Amino acid sequence: MNAIWITSMVLQWAVILVLGLLVFSLMRQLGALTATPYREKNPDDIFVPFTELPEQSVELLDGNRFHFAGQNGIPTLIVFFAPNCDACQHLPGALLELARKHAPAELKLLAVLKRTDRAHAKEFIREKGFKDIPLALDTEFPEDLNPGGAPYAAAIANGGTVAAHGKPKSLEHLLEMAQAAKMMDPAVPSHSRRKHEWGESAPYWVPEQMGLSPATPL
């Protein structure tokens, strides 16, 4: 009799446990459905040259905040890439080289890591030596400016106006984008564009001493 009673109790608790797990699973799924999804935008719809950006900020991995756009007085280059992206492999080294070529007072740099978490991002910083370059996760970046895919970058002139955007894959590409931000002329008509291997920018000519060819006008 005791054996039957014990077996019955075990079965009852087993049923209760299974039902509890089912309820917990349903609650998690319901929460996922009702939560607001984090959406990435089409790169062609954001950071379009001549667009004026209001003051923006993003929380960095180290807890500080990075302010960009608006009347900040310093050209800014924002580079989005993912650690496991094949097309992004040359960007970490290119960014470090760019940082060596430009003082923070003449060009602000922001690296935005996509599709990774804080633990892997911190490991990435140690491996690549990124401790001197501001770095943020894309989930912390303003949602309306977050591009889909990687790599992607945007150059912003000192008046908060977008000077260039596109998909850089080398140091030369980043240098061209930085130059566009530094040479942005507010008097240039907004319908004018220059086409590049990596994307488009406001019109400018790259100095010959950089060893780069002039961009092709549209």
N, C-alpha and C. Protein backbone atom coordinates (compact mmCIF):
# COMPACT_ATOMS: atom_id res chain seq x y z
N MET A 1 0.83 -1.21 0.00
CA MET A 1 0.00 0.00 0.00
C MET A 1 0.86 1.25 0.00
N ASN A 2 1.91 1.23 0.88
CA ASN A 2 2.84 2.37 0.95
C ASN A 2 3.54 2.60 -0.39
N ALA A 3 3.89 1.51 -1.07
CA ALA A 3 4.58 1.62 -2.35
C ALA A 3 3.68 2.29 -3.39
N ILE A 4 2.39 1.92 -3.36
CA ILE A 4 1.43 2.53 -4.30
C ILE A 4 1.28 4.02 -4.01
N TRP A 5 1.21 4.34 -2.71
CA TRP A 5 1.05 5.75 -2.32
C TRP A 5 2.26 6.58 -2.73
N ILE A 6 3.44 6.02 -2.50
CA ILE A 6 4.68 6.72 -2.86
C ILE A 6 4.76 6.94 -4.38
N THR A 7 4.40 5.89 -5.13
CA THR A 7 4.42 5.99 -6.59
C THR A 7 3.45 7.07 -7.07
N SER A 8 2.28 7.11 -6.45
CA SER A 8 1.27 8.11 -6.80
C SER A 8 1.76 9.52 -6.53
N MET A 9 2.42 9.73 -5.39
CA MET A 9 2.95 11.05 -5.04
C MET A 9 4.05 11.48 -6.02
N VAL A 10 4.92 10.53 -6.38
CA VAL A 10 6.00 10.84 -7.32
C VAL A 10 5.42 11.27 -8.66
N LEU A 11 4.38 10.53 -9.11
CA LEU A 11 3.76 10.88 -10.39
C LEU A 11 3.10 12.25 -10.33
N GLN A 12 2.45 12.55 -9.20
CA GLN A 12 1.81 13.86 -9.06
C GLN A 12 2.83 14.98 -9.13
N TRP A 13 3.94 14.83 -8.41
CA TRP A 13 4.99 15.87 -8.43
C TRP A 13 5.64 15.99 -9.82
N ALA A 14 5.77 14.86 -10.49
CA ALA A 14 6.32 14.89 -11.84
C ALA A 14 5.42 15.67 -12.78
N VAL A 15 4.09 15.45 -12.64
CA VAL A 15 3.12 16.18 -13.47
C VAL A 15 3.18 17.67 -13.15
N ILE A 16 3.27 18.01 -11.85
CA ILE A 16 3.35 19.42 -11.43
C ILE A 16 4.60 20.07 -12.00
N LEU A 17 5.73 19.35 -11.97
CA LEU A 17 6.99 19.89 -12.49
C LEU A 17 6.90 20.14 -13.99
N VAL A 18 6.32 19.18 -14.72
CA VAL A 18 6.18 19.33 -16.17
C VAL A 18 5.28 20.51 -16.50
N LEU A 19 4.16 20.63 -15.78
CA LEU A 19 3.25 21.75 -16.02
C LEU A 19 3.92 23.08 -15.70
N GLY A 20 4.72 23.11 -14.64
CA GLY A 20 5.44 24.34 -14.28
C GLY A 20 6.42 24.75 -15.37
N LEU A 21 7.14 23.77 -15.91
CA LEU A 21 8.08 24.06 -16.99
C LEU A 21 7.36 24.57 -18.24
N LEU A 22 6.21 24.00 -18.54
CA LEU A 22 5.44 24.45 -19.69
C LEU A 22 4.97 25.89 -19.51
N VAL A 23 4.48 26.21 -18.31
CA VAL A 23 4.03 27.58 -18.04
C VAL A 23 5.19 28.56 -18.15
N PHE A 24 6.36 28.19 -17.60
CA PHE A 24 7.53 29.06 -17.67
C PHE A 24 7.96 29.29 -19.12
N SER A 25 7.92 28.22 -19.93
CA SER A 25 8.30 28.35 -21.34
C SER A 25 7.33 29.26 -22.09
N LEU A 26 6.03 29.10 -21.81
CA LEU A 26 5.04 29.95 -22.46
C LEU A 26 5.20 31.42 -22.08
N MET A 27 5.52 31.67 -20.82
CA MET A 27 5.72 33.04 -20.36
C MET A 27 6.92 33.68 -21.05
N ARG A 28 8.01 32.92 -21.22
CA ARG A 28 9.18 33.44 -21.91
C ARG A 28 8.87 33.77 -23.36
N GLN A 29 8.14 32.87 -24.03
CA GLN A 29 7.77 33.12 -25.42
C GLN A 29 6.87 34.33 -25.56
N LEU A 30 5.93 34.48 -24.62
CA LEU A 30 5.04 35.63 -24.64
C LEU A 30 5.81 36.92 -24.44
N GLY A 31 6.79 36.87 -23.54
CA GLY A 31 7.63 38.05 -23.30
C GLY A 31 8.43 38.43 -24.53
N ALA A 32 8.93 37.41 -25.25
CA ALA A 32 9.70 37.68 -26.47
C ALA A 32 8.83 38.29 -27.54
N LEU A 33 7.56 37.86 -27.59
CA LEU A 33 6.66 38.39 -28.61
C LEU A 33 6.24 39.82 -28.33
N THR A 34 6.07 40.15 -27.04
CA THR A 34 5.59 41.48 -26.68
C THR A 34 6.71 42.50 -26.56
N ALA A 35 7.96 42.03 -26.43
CA ALA A 35 9.09 42.97 -26.29
C ALA A 35 9.31 43.70 -27.61
N THR A 36 9.73 44.95 -27.49
CA THR A 36 10.00 45.74 -28.68
C THR A 36 11.30 45.26 -29.33
N PRO A 37 11.28 44.78 -30.57
CA PRO A 37 12.49 44.27 -31.21
C PRO A 37 13.46 45.40 -31.53
N TYR A 38 14.77 45.06 -31.51
CA TYR A 38 15.79 46.04 -31.87
C TYR A 38 16.01 45.93 -33.38
N ARG A 39 15.65 46.98 -34.10
CA ARG A 39 15.68 46.91 -35.56
C ARG A 39 16.88 47.68 -36.11
N GLU A 40 17.47 47.12 -37.16
CA GLU A 40 18.53 47.81 -37.88
C GLU A 40 17.94 48.40 -39.14
N LYS A 41 18.40 49.58 -39.51
CA LYS A 41 17.83 50.26 -40.67
C LYS A 41 18.66 50.01 -41.93
N ASN A 42 18.05 50.28 -43.06
CA ASN A 42 18.75 50.21 -44.33
C ASN A 42 19.82 51.31 -44.36
N PRO A 43 21.08 50.96 -44.61
CA PRO A 43 22.14 51.99 -44.62
C PRO A 43 21.88 53.14 -45.57
N ASP A 44 21.14 52.86 -46.66
CA ASP A 44 20.87 53.93 -47.63
C ASP A 44 19.91 54.98 -47.08
N ASP A 45 19.26 54.66 -45.97
CA ASP A 45 18.28 55.58 -45.40
C ASP A 45 18.84 56.43 -44.27
N ILE A 46 20.07 56.18 -43.86
CA ILE A 46 20.65 56.92 -42.74
C ILE A 46 22.02 57.48 -43.12
N PHE A 47 22.47 58.45 -42.37
CA PHE A 47 23.78 59.06 -42.60
C PHE A 47 23.96 59.48 -44.07
N VAL A 48 22.92 59.97 -44.68
CA VAL A 48 23.00 60.44 -46.06
C VAL A 48 23.76 61.77 -46.09
N PRO A 49 24.72 61.95 -47.00
CA PRO A 49 25.47 63.21 -47.06
C PRO A 49 24.56 64.43 -47.08
N PHE A 50 24.98 65.45 -46.34
CA PHE A 50 24.28 66.73 -46.17
C PHE A 50 23.15 66.67 -45.15
N THR A 51 22.87 65.49 -44.59
CA THR A 51 21.88 65.40 -43.51
C THR A 51 22.46 66.03 -42.25
N GLU A 52 21.70 66.88 -41.59
CA GLU A 52 22.14 67.52 -40.35
C GLU A 52 21.66 66.71 -39.16
N LEU A 53 22.59 66.23 -38.36
CA LEU A 53 22.25 65.41 -37.20
C LEU A 53 22.22 66.26 -35.93
N PRO A 54 21.20 66.08 -35.10
CA PRO A 54 21.19 66.76 -33.81
C PRO A 54 22.21 66.12 -32.87
N GLU A 55 22.41 66.71 -31.73
CA GLU A 55 23.34 66.15 -30.75
C GLU A 55 22.92 64.73 -30.38
N GLN A 56 23.87 63.80 -30.43
CA GLN A 56 23.62 62.39 -30.13
C GLN A 56 24.66 61.92 -29.12
N SER A 57 24.35 60.84 -28.42
CA SER A 57 25.35 60.25 -27.52
C SER A 57 25.11 58.75 -27.43
N VAL A 58 26.15 58.04 -27.06
CA VAL A 58 26.07 56.59 -26.92
C VAL A 58 26.94 56.18 -25.73
N GLU A 59 26.48 55.19 -24.98
CA GLU A 59 27.27 54.69 -23.85
C GLU A 59 28.37 53.77 -24.36
N LEU A 60 29.59 54.03 -23.92
CA LEU A 60 30.73 53.21 -24.33
C LEU A 60 30.85 51.99 -23.43
N LEU A 61 31.67 51.06 -23.88
CA LEU A 61 31.87 49.82 -23.13
C LEU A 61 32.49 50.09 -21.76
N ASP A 62 33.26 51.18 -21.64
CA ASP A 62 33.91 51.49 -20.37
C ASP A 62 33.01 52.31 -19.43
N GLY A 63 31.77 52.57 -19.86
CA GLY A 63 30.84 53.30 -19.01
C GLY A 63 30.76 54.78 -19.30
N ASN A 64 31.72 55.32 -20.04
CA ASN A 64 31.66 56.74 -20.41
C ASN A 64 30.66 56.93 -21.55
N ARG A 65 30.40 58.18 -21.90
CA ARG A 65 29.49 58.49 -23.01
C ARG A 65 30.27 59.21 -24.11
N PHE A 66 29.93 58.86 -25.36
CA PHE A 66 30.55 59.48 -26.53
C PHE A 66 29.50 60.37 -27.18
N HIS A 67 29.81 61.65 -27.32
CA HIS A 67 28.89 62.61 -27.92
C HIS A 67 29.34 62.90 -29.36
N PHE A 68 28.40 62.89 -30.28
CA PHE A 68 28.73 63.18 -31.67
C PHE A 68 27.60 63.96 -32.32
N ALA A 69 27.90 64.53 -33.48
CA ALA A 69 26.97 65.37 -34.23
C ALA A 69 26.66 66.63 -33.44
N GLY A 70 25.75 67.43 -33.96
CA GLY A 70 25.53 68.73 -33.35
C GLY A 70 26.75 69.61 -33.60
N GLN A 71 26.85 70.71 -32.90
CA GLN A 71 27.96 71.64 -33.08
C GLN A 71 29.13 71.25 -32.18
N ASN A 72 29.71 70.07 -32.44
CA ASN A 72 30.78 69.62 -31.55
C ASN A 72 32.15 70.19 -31.92
N GLY A 73 32.27 70.73 -33.11
CA GLY A 73 33.53 71.38 -33.49
C GLY A 73 34.62 70.46 -33.96
N ILE A 74 34.42 69.13 -33.93
CA ILE A 74 35.46 68.19 -34.36
C ILE A 74 34.85 67.17 -35.32
N PRO A 75 35.43 66.98 -36.50
CA PRO A 75 34.94 65.94 -37.42
C PRO A 75 34.96 64.57 -36.74
N THR A 76 34.01 63.72 -37.10
CA THR A 76 33.86 62.42 -36.44
C THR A 76 33.71 61.31 -37.47
N LEU A 77 34.36 60.19 -37.20
CA LEU A 77 34.23 59.00 -38.05
C LEU A 77 33.71 57.86 -37.18
N ILE A 78 32.54 57.32 -37.55
CA ILE A 78 31.93 56.21 -36.82
C ILE A 78 32.00 54.97 -37.69
N VAL A 79 32.59 53.91 -37.17
CA VAL A 79 32.80 52.69 -37.95
C VAL A 79 32.11 51.51 -37.28
N PHE A 80 31.20 50.87 -38.01
CA PHE A 80 30.48 49.69 -37.52
C PHE A 80 31.10 48.44 -38.13
N PHE A 81 31.40 47.47 -37.29
CA PHE A 81 31.89 46.20 -37.81
C PHE A 81 31.63 45.09 -36.79
N ALA A 82 31.72 43.85 -37.26
CA ALA A 82 31.50 42.68 -36.40
C ALA A 82 32.78 41.86 -36.34
N PRO A 83 33.13 41.34 -35.17
CA PRO A 83 34.38 40.56 -35.03
C PRO A 83 34.44 39.34 -35.94
N ASN A 84 33.28 38.73 -36.23
CA ASN A 84 33.28 37.51 -37.05
C ASN A 84 32.89 37.77 -38.50
N CYS A 85 32.99 39.03 -38.95
CA CYS A 85 32.65 39.40 -40.32
C CYS A 85 33.90 39.35 -41.19
N ASP A 86 33.86 38.52 -42.25
CA ASP A 86 35.03 38.37 -43.12
C ASP A 86 35.41 39.70 -43.79
N ALA A 87 34.40 40.48 -44.20
CA ALA A 87 34.67 41.74 -44.88
C ALA A 87 35.20 42.82 -43.94
N CYS A 88 35.16 42.54 -42.64
CA CYS A 88 35.58 43.52 -41.63
C CYS A 88 36.99 43.27 -41.10
N GLN A 89 37.63 42.21 -41.55
CA GLN A 89 38.87 41.77 -40.91
C GLN A 89 39.99 42.81 -40.92
N HIS A 90 40.01 43.69 -41.94
CA HIS A 90 41.10 44.67 -42.02
C HIS A 90 40.78 45.95 -41.25
N LEU A 91 39.54 46.10 -40.78
CA LEU A 91 39.16 47.37 -40.15
C LEU A 91 39.79 47.63 -38.79
N PRO A 92 39.90 46.63 -37.89
CA PRO A 92 40.55 46.93 -36.61
C PRO A 92 41.95 47.51 -36.76
N GLY A 93 42.78 46.88 -37.60
CA GLY A 93 44.12 47.40 -37.82
C GLY A 93 44.11 48.76 -38.50
N ALA A 94 43.17 48.95 -39.45
CA ALA A 94 43.05 50.23 -40.14
C ALA A 94 42.64 51.34 -39.18
N LEU A 95 41.74 51.04 -38.26
CA LEU A 95 41.32 52.03 -37.27
C LEU A 95 42.47 52.43 -36.35
N LEU A 96 43.25 51.44 -35.93
CA LEU A 96 44.39 51.74 -35.07
C LEU A 96 45.40 52.63 -35.80
N GLU A 97 45.62 52.34 -37.08
CA GLU A 97 46.53 53.16 -37.88
C GLU A 97 45.97 54.57 -38.06
N LEU A 98 44.67 54.66 -38.28
CA LEU A 98 44.03 55.96 -38.43
C LEU A 98 44.15 56.78 -37.16
N ALA A 99 44.02 56.12 -36.02
CA ALA A 99 44.16 56.81 -34.74
C ALA A 99 45.57 57.35 -34.56
N ARG A 100 46.56 56.63 -35.10
CA ARG A 100 47.94 57.11 -35.00
C ARG A 100 48.19 58.30 -35.92
N LYS A 101 47.43 58.38 -37.02
CA LYS A 101 47.62 59.46 -37.98
C LYS A 101 46.88 60.74 -37.61
N HIS A 102 45.83 60.62 -36.79
CA HIS A 102 45.01 61.78 -36.45
C HIS A 102 44.88 61.93 -34.94
N ALA A 103 45.21 63.09 -34.43
CA ALA A 103 45.03 63.37 -33.01
C ALA A 103 43.54 63.50 -32.70
N PRO A 104 43.12 63.14 -31.49
CA PRO A 104 41.70 63.25 -31.13
C PRO A 104 41.15 64.67 -31.29
N ALA A 105 42.02 65.66 -31.23
CA ALA A 105 41.56 67.05 -31.35
C ALA A 105 41.19 67.40 -32.79
N GLU A 106 41.65 66.59 -33.77
CA GLU A 106 41.33 66.90 -35.16
C GLU A 106 40.38 65.89 -35.79
N LEU A 107 40.22 64.70 -35.18
CA LEU A 107 39.28 63.71 -35.69
C LEU A 107 38.88 62.77 -34.56
N LYS A 108 37.58 62.73 -34.27
CA LYS A 108 37.07 61.82 -33.26
C LYS A 108 36.73 60.49 -33.92
N LEU A 109 37.13 59.39 -33.27
CA LEU A 109 36.84 58.05 -33.78
C LEU A 109 35.91 57.31 -32.82
N LEU A 110 34.96 56.57 -33.39
CA LEU A 110 34.09 55.71 -32.59
C LEU A 110 33.94 54.38 -33.31
N ALA A 111 34.31 53.30 -32.64
CA ALA A 111 34.11 51.95 -33.17
C ALA A 111 32.85 51.37 -32.55
N VAL A 112 31.99 50.79 -33.37
CA VAL A 112 30.74 50.19 -32.89
C VAL A 112 30.73 48.71 -33.27
N LEU A 113 30.78 47.85 -32.25
CA LEU A 113 30.80 46.41 -32.50
C LEU A 113 29.38 45.89 -32.66
N LYS A 114 29.15 45.13 -33.71
CA LYS A 114 27.83 44.57 -33.99
C LYS A 114 27.81 43.07 -33.68
N ARG A 115 26.63 42.61 -33.27
CA ARG A 115 26.36 41.18 -33.07
C ARG A 115 27.37 40.50 -32.14
N THR A 116 27.58 41.12 -30.98
CA THR A 116 28.43 40.51 -29.96
C THR A 116 27.96 40.99 -28.60
N ASP A 117 28.44 40.37 -27.53
CA ASP A 117 28.05 40.78 -26.19
C ASP A 117 29.22 41.47 -25.49
N ARG A 118 28.99 41.94 -24.28
CA ARG A 118 30.00 42.72 -23.56
C ARG A 118 31.25 41.89 -23.27
N ALA A 119 31.06 40.62 -22.89
CA ALA A 119 32.21 39.78 -22.56
C ALA A 119 33.12 39.60 -23.77
N HIS A 120 32.53 39.28 -24.94
CA HIS A 120 33.33 39.09 -26.14
C HIS A 120 33.92 40.41 -26.62
N ALA A 121 33.20 41.51 -26.40
CA ALA A 121 33.72 42.82 -26.80
C ALA A 121 34.96 43.18 -25.98
N LYS A 122 34.93 42.90 -24.70
CA LYS A 122 36.10 43.19 -23.85
C LYS A 122 37.29 42.32 -24.24
N GLU A 123 37.00 41.08 -24.60
CA GLU A 123 38.07 40.19 -25.09
C GLU A 123 38.65 40.72 -26.40
N PHE A 124 37.77 41.25 -27.26
CA PHE A 124 38.20 41.83 -28.53
C PHE A 124 39.13 43.02 -28.28
N ILE A 125 38.80 43.86 -27.32
CA ILE A 125 39.63 45.03 -26.99
C ILE A 125 41.03 44.59 -26.57
N ARG A 126 41.10 43.56 -25.73
CA ARG A 126 42.40 43.06 -25.27
C ARG A 126 43.21 42.48 -26.43
N GLU A 127 42.55 41.72 -27.30
CA GLU A 127 43.26 41.08 -28.41
C GLU A 127 43.76 42.09 -29.43
N LYS A 128 42.95 43.09 -29.74
CA LYS A 128 43.27 44.03 -30.82
C LYS A 128 43.95 45.31 -30.33
N GLY A 129 44.06 45.49 -29.02
CA GLY A 129 44.70 46.71 -28.51
C GLY A 129 43.86 47.95 -28.72
N PHE A 130 42.56 47.83 -28.50
CA PHE A 130 41.63 48.93 -28.76
C PHE A 130 41.39 49.82 -27.55
N LYS A 131 42.24 49.75 -26.55
CA LYS A 131 41.95 50.47 -25.31
C LYS A 131 41.90 51.98 -25.48
N ASP A 132 42.54 52.54 -26.51
CA ASP A 132 42.57 53.99 -26.70
C ASP A 132 41.53 54.48 -27.71
N ILE A 133 40.74 53.57 -28.28
CA ILE A 133 39.71 53.96 -29.25
C ILE A 133 38.34 53.75 -28.60
N PRO A 134 37.51 54.78 -28.52
CA PRO A 134 36.17 54.62 -27.95
C PRO A 134 35.41 53.51 -28.67
N LEU A 135 34.80 52.62 -27.87
CA LEU A 135 34.11 51.48 -28.47
C LEU A 135 32.77 51.26 -27.77
N ALA A 136 31.73 51.03 -28.59
CA ALA A 136 30.38 50.79 -28.06
C ALA A 136 29.78 49.57 -28.74
N LEU A 137 28.80 48.97 -28.10
CA LEU A 137 28.02 47.90 -28.71
C LEU A 137 26.90 48.52 -29.55
N ASP A 138 26.53 47.86 -30.64
CA ASP A 138 25.49 48.44 -31.49
C ASP A 138 24.13 48.49 -30.79
N THR A 139 23.92 47.63 -29.78
CA THR A 139 22.66 47.67 -29.04
C THR A 139 22.54 48.92 -28.19
N GLU A 140 23.65 49.62 -27.95
CA GLU A 140 23.63 50.87 -27.19
C GLU A 140 23.54 52.08 -28.11
N PHE A 141 23.69 51.85 -29.41
CA PHE A 141 23.72 52.96 -30.37
C PHE A 141 22.29 53.40 -30.66
N PRO A 142 22.08 54.71 -30.96
CA PRO A 142 20.73 55.19 -31.29
C PRO A 142 20.09 54.33 -32.37
N GLU A 143 18.90 53.79 -32.08
CA GLU A 143 18.27 52.82 -32.97
C GLU A 143 17.99 53.38 -34.36
N ASP A 144 17.64 54.67 -34.44
CA ASP A 144 17.30 55.23 -35.75
C ASP A 144 18.52 55.46 -36.63
N LEU A 145 19.72 55.27 -36.06
CA LEU A 145 20.95 55.44 -36.83
C LEU A 145 21.72 54.13 -36.96
N ASN A 146 21.15 53.04 -36.53
CA ASN A 146 21.87 51.76 -36.54
C ASN A 146 21.69 51.06 -37.89
N PRO A 147 22.77 50.91 -38.67
CA PRO A 147 22.66 50.30 -40.00
C PRO A 147 22.62 48.78 -39.93
N GLY A 148 21.94 48.18 -40.87
CA GLY A 148 21.97 46.73 -40.99
C GLY A 148 23.23 46.32 -41.74
N GLY A 149 23.80 45.19 -41.36
CA GLY A 149 24.99 44.69 -42.04
C GLY A 149 26.27 45.34 -41.55
N ALA A 150 27.37 44.78 -41.99
CA ALA A 150 28.69 45.28 -41.65
C ALA A 150 29.66 44.84 -42.74
N PRO A 151 30.69 45.63 -43.03
CA PRO A 151 31.04 46.89 -42.36
C PRO A 151 30.20 48.06 -42.87
N TYR A 152 30.23 49.13 -42.09
CA TYR A 152 29.56 50.37 -42.49
C TYR A 152 30.22 51.49 -41.70
N ALA A 153 30.25 52.69 -42.29
CA ALA A 153 30.85 53.82 -41.59
C ALA A 153 30.20 55.11 -42.05
N ALA A 154 30.30 56.12 -41.20
CA ALA A 154 29.77 57.45 -41.52
C ALA A 154 30.76 58.49 -41.05
N ALA A 155 30.96 59.52 -41.86
CA ALA A 155 31.84 60.63 -41.50
C ALA A 155 30.97 61.87 -41.31
N ILE A 156 31.18 62.56 -40.20
CA ILE A 156 30.35 63.71 -39.84
C ILE A 156 31.25 64.94 -39.70
N ALA A 157 30.89 66.01 -40.38
CA ALA A 157 31.68 67.25 -40.33
C ALA A 157 31.48 67.95 -39.00
N ASN A 158 32.30 69.00 -38.77
CA ASN A 158 32.28 69.65 -37.46
C ASN A 158 31.00 70.41 -37.16
N GLY A 159 30.13 70.60 -38.14
CA GLY A 159 28.87 71.26 -37.88
C GLY A 159 27.72 70.30 -37.66
N GLY A 160 28.02 69.00 -37.57
CA GLY A 160 26.98 68.00 -37.38
C GLY A 160 26.35 67.53 -38.68
N THR A 161 26.95 67.89 -39.82
CA THR A 161 26.42 67.48 -41.12
C THR A 161 27.15 66.23 -41.62
N VAL A 162 26.40 65.25 -42.10
CA VAL A 162 27.01 64.03 -42.63
C VAL A 162 27.79 64.36 -43.90
N ALA A 163 29.05 63.97 -43.92
CA ALA A 163 29.91 64.25 -45.07
C ALA A 163 30.08 63.04 -45.97
N ALA A 164 29.94 61.83 -45.42
CA ALA A 164 30.14 60.62 -46.21
C ALA A 164 29.54 59.43 -45.49
N HIS A 165 29.20 58.39 -46.27
CA HIS A 165 28.78 57.11 -45.68
C HIS A 165 29.07 56.01 -46.69
N GLY A 166 29.22 54.79 -46.18
CA GLY A 166 29.50 53.68 -47.08
C GLY A 166 30.03 52.48 -46.34
N LYS A 167 30.71 51.59 -47.09
CA LYS A 167 31.20 50.33 -46.55
C LYS A 167 32.71 50.21 -46.73
N PRO A 168 33.47 50.86 -45.87
CA PRO A 168 34.93 50.82 -46.01
C PRO A 168 35.49 49.45 -45.64
N LYS A 169 36.60 49.09 -46.30
CA LYS A 169 37.24 47.80 -46.02
C LYS A 169 38.75 47.92 -45.86
N SER A 170 39.25 49.17 -45.88
CA SER A 170 40.70 49.34 -45.80
C SER A 170 41.03 50.70 -45.17
N LEU A 171 42.31 50.88 -44.85
CA LEU A 171 42.77 52.16 -44.31
C LEU A 171 42.55 53.27 -45.33
N GLU A 172 42.79 52.99 -46.61
CA GLU A 172 42.60 54.01 -47.64
C GLU A 172 41.15 54.51 -47.65
N HIS A 173 40.21 53.59 -47.51
CA HIS A 173 38.81 53.99 -47.48
C HIS A 173 38.51 54.88 -46.28
N LEU A 174 39.06 54.50 -45.12
CA LEU A 174 38.82 55.31 -43.91
C LEU A 174 39.45 56.69 -44.04
N LEU A 175 40.62 56.76 -44.66
CA LEU A 175 41.28 58.05 -44.87
C LEU A 175 40.44 58.95 -45.78
N GLU A 176 39.86 58.37 -46.80
CA GLU A 176 39.01 59.15 -47.69
C GLU A 176 37.77 59.68 -46.96
N MET A 177 37.19 58.85 -46.13
CA MET A 177 36.01 59.27 -45.38
C MET A 177 36.36 60.37 -44.37
N ALA A 178 37.50 60.20 -43.69
CA ALA A 178 37.94 61.21 -42.74
C ALA A 178 38.21 62.54 -43.44
N GLN A 179 38.80 62.46 -44.61
CA GLN A 179 39.10 63.67 -45.37
C GLN A 179 37.81 64.37 -45.79
N ALA A 180 36.79 63.61 -46.14
CA ALA A 180 35.50 64.19 -46.51
C ALA A 180 34.92 64.98 -45.34
N ALA A 181 35.05 64.43 -44.14
CA ALA A 181 34.52 65.12 -42.95
C ALA A 181 35.31 66.38 -42.65
N LYS A 182 36.62 66.33 -42.85
CA LYS A 182 37.46 67.48 -42.53
C LYS A 182 37.33 68.59 -43.57
N MET A 183 36.96 68.23 -44.81
CA MET A 183 36.91 69.21 -45.89
C MET A 183 35.48 69.57 -46.29
N MET A 184 34.50 69.17 -45.49
CA MET A 184 33.10 69.46 -45.80
C MET A 184 32.88 70.96 -45.95
N ASP A 185 32.29 71.37 -47.06
CA ASP A 185 32.00 72.78 -47.32
C ASP A 185 30.50 72.99 -47.26
N PRO A 186 30.00 73.74 -46.27
CA PRO A 186 28.55 73.94 -46.15
C PRO A 186 27.94 74.66 -47.33
N ALA A 187 28.77 75.30 -48.16
CA ALA A 187 28.25 76.04 -49.31
C ALA A 187 27.98 75.13 -50.51
N VAL A 188 28.47 73.89 -50.46
CA VAL A 188 28.26 72.95 -51.57
C VAL A 188 26.78 72.57 -51.65
N PRO A 189 26.18 72.59 -52.84
CA PRO A 189 24.76 72.23 -52.96
C PRO A 189 24.52 70.78 -52.55
N SER A 190 23.42 70.55 -51.82
CA SER A 190 23.16 69.24 -51.24
C SER A 190 22.86 68.16 -52.27
N HIS A 191 22.52 68.54 -53.51
CA HIS A 191 22.25 67.52 -54.52
C HIS A 191 23.54 66.97 -55.14
N SER A 192 24.67 67.60 -54.82
CA SER A 192 25.94 67.17 -55.39
C SER A 192 26.54 66.03 -54.57
N ARG A 193 27.06 65.02 -55.24
CA ARG A 193 27.65 63.86 -54.56
C ARG A 193 28.92 63.43 -55.29
N ARG A 194 29.79 62.73 -54.57
CA ARG A 194 30.93 62.07 -55.22
C ARG A 194 30.83 60.58 -54.94
N LYS A 195 31.08 59.81 -55.97
CA LYS A 195 31.00 58.36 -55.88
C LYS A 195 32.37 57.78 -55.57
N HIS A 196 32.42 56.83 -54.65
CA HIS A 196 33.67 56.19 -54.26
C HIS A 196 33.52 54.67 -54.34
N GLU A 197 34.63 54.00 -54.24
CA GLU A 197 34.61 52.53 -54.20
C GLU A 197 33.81 52.04 -53.00
N TRP A 198 33.86 52.79 -51.90
CA TRP A 198 33.21 52.38 -50.66
C TRP A 198 31.83 52.99 -50.44
N GLY A 199 31.45 54.02 -51.20
CA GLY A 199 30.15 54.66 -50.97
C GLY A 199 30.08 56.02 -51.63
N GLU A 200 29.55 57.02 -50.90
CA GLU A 200 29.43 58.36 -51.46
C GLU A 200 29.73 59.41 -50.40
N SER A 201 30.06 60.61 -50.90
CA SER A 201 30.38 61.70 -49.98
C SER A 201 29.98 63.03 -50.62
N ALA A 202 30.07 64.08 -49.82
CA ALA A 202 29.99 65.42 -50.36
C ALA A 202 31.23 65.63 -51.23
N PRO A 203 31.17 66.49 -52.25
CA PRO A 203 32.33 66.66 -53.14
C PRO A 203 33.58 67.14 -52.40
N TYR A 204 34.70 66.57 -52.74
CA TYR A 204 36.00 67.04 -52.26
C TYR A 204 37.08 66.35 -53.09
N TRP A 205 38.30 66.90 -52.99
CA TRP A 205 39.44 66.28 -53.67
C TRP A 205 40.45 65.86 -52.63
N VAL A 206 40.86 64.62 -52.69
CA VAL A 206 41.84 64.12 -51.73
C VAL A 206 43.21 64.70 -52.06
N PRO A 207 43.92 65.27 -51.09
CA PRO A 207 45.26 65.83 -51.33
C PRO A 207 46.19 64.80 -51.95
N GLU A 208 46.97 65.25 -52.92
CA GLU A 208 47.88 64.33 -53.61
C GLU A 208 48.92 63.76 -52.67
N GLN A 209 49.27 64.50 -51.60
CA GLN A 209 50.31 64.00 -50.71
C GLN A 209 49.86 62.74 -49.95
N MET A 210 48.54 62.45 -49.96
CA MET A 210 48.07 61.24 -49.31
C MET A 210 48.22 60.03 -50.22
N GLY A 211 48.57 60.27 -51.47
CA GLY A 211 48.75 59.18 -52.41
C GLY A 211 47.46 58.57 -52.87
N LEU A 212 46.36 59.34 -52.80
CA LEU A 212 45.06 58.82 -53.21
C LEU A 212 44.56 59.58 -54.43
N SER A 213 43.75 58.92 -55.23
CA SER A 213 43.21 59.54 -56.44
C SER A 213 41.95 60.35 -56.11
N PRO A 214 41.67 61.39 -56.86
CA PRO A 214 40.43 62.16 -56.63
C PRO A 214 39.21 61.29 -56.83
N ALA A 215 38.16 61.57 -56.08
CA ALA A 215 36.91 60.81 -56.23
C ALA A 215 36.25 61.15 -57.55
N THR A 216 35.43 60.27 -58.03
CA THR A 216 34.73 60.47 -59.30
C THR A 216 33.40 61.17 -59.07
N PRO A 217 33.17 62.33 -59.68
CA PRO A 217 31.89 63.02 -59.47
C PRO A 217 30.76 62.29 -60.16
N LEU A 218 29.59 62.36 -59.53
CA LEU A 218 28.40 61.75 -60.14
C LEU A 218 27.87 62.63 -61.26
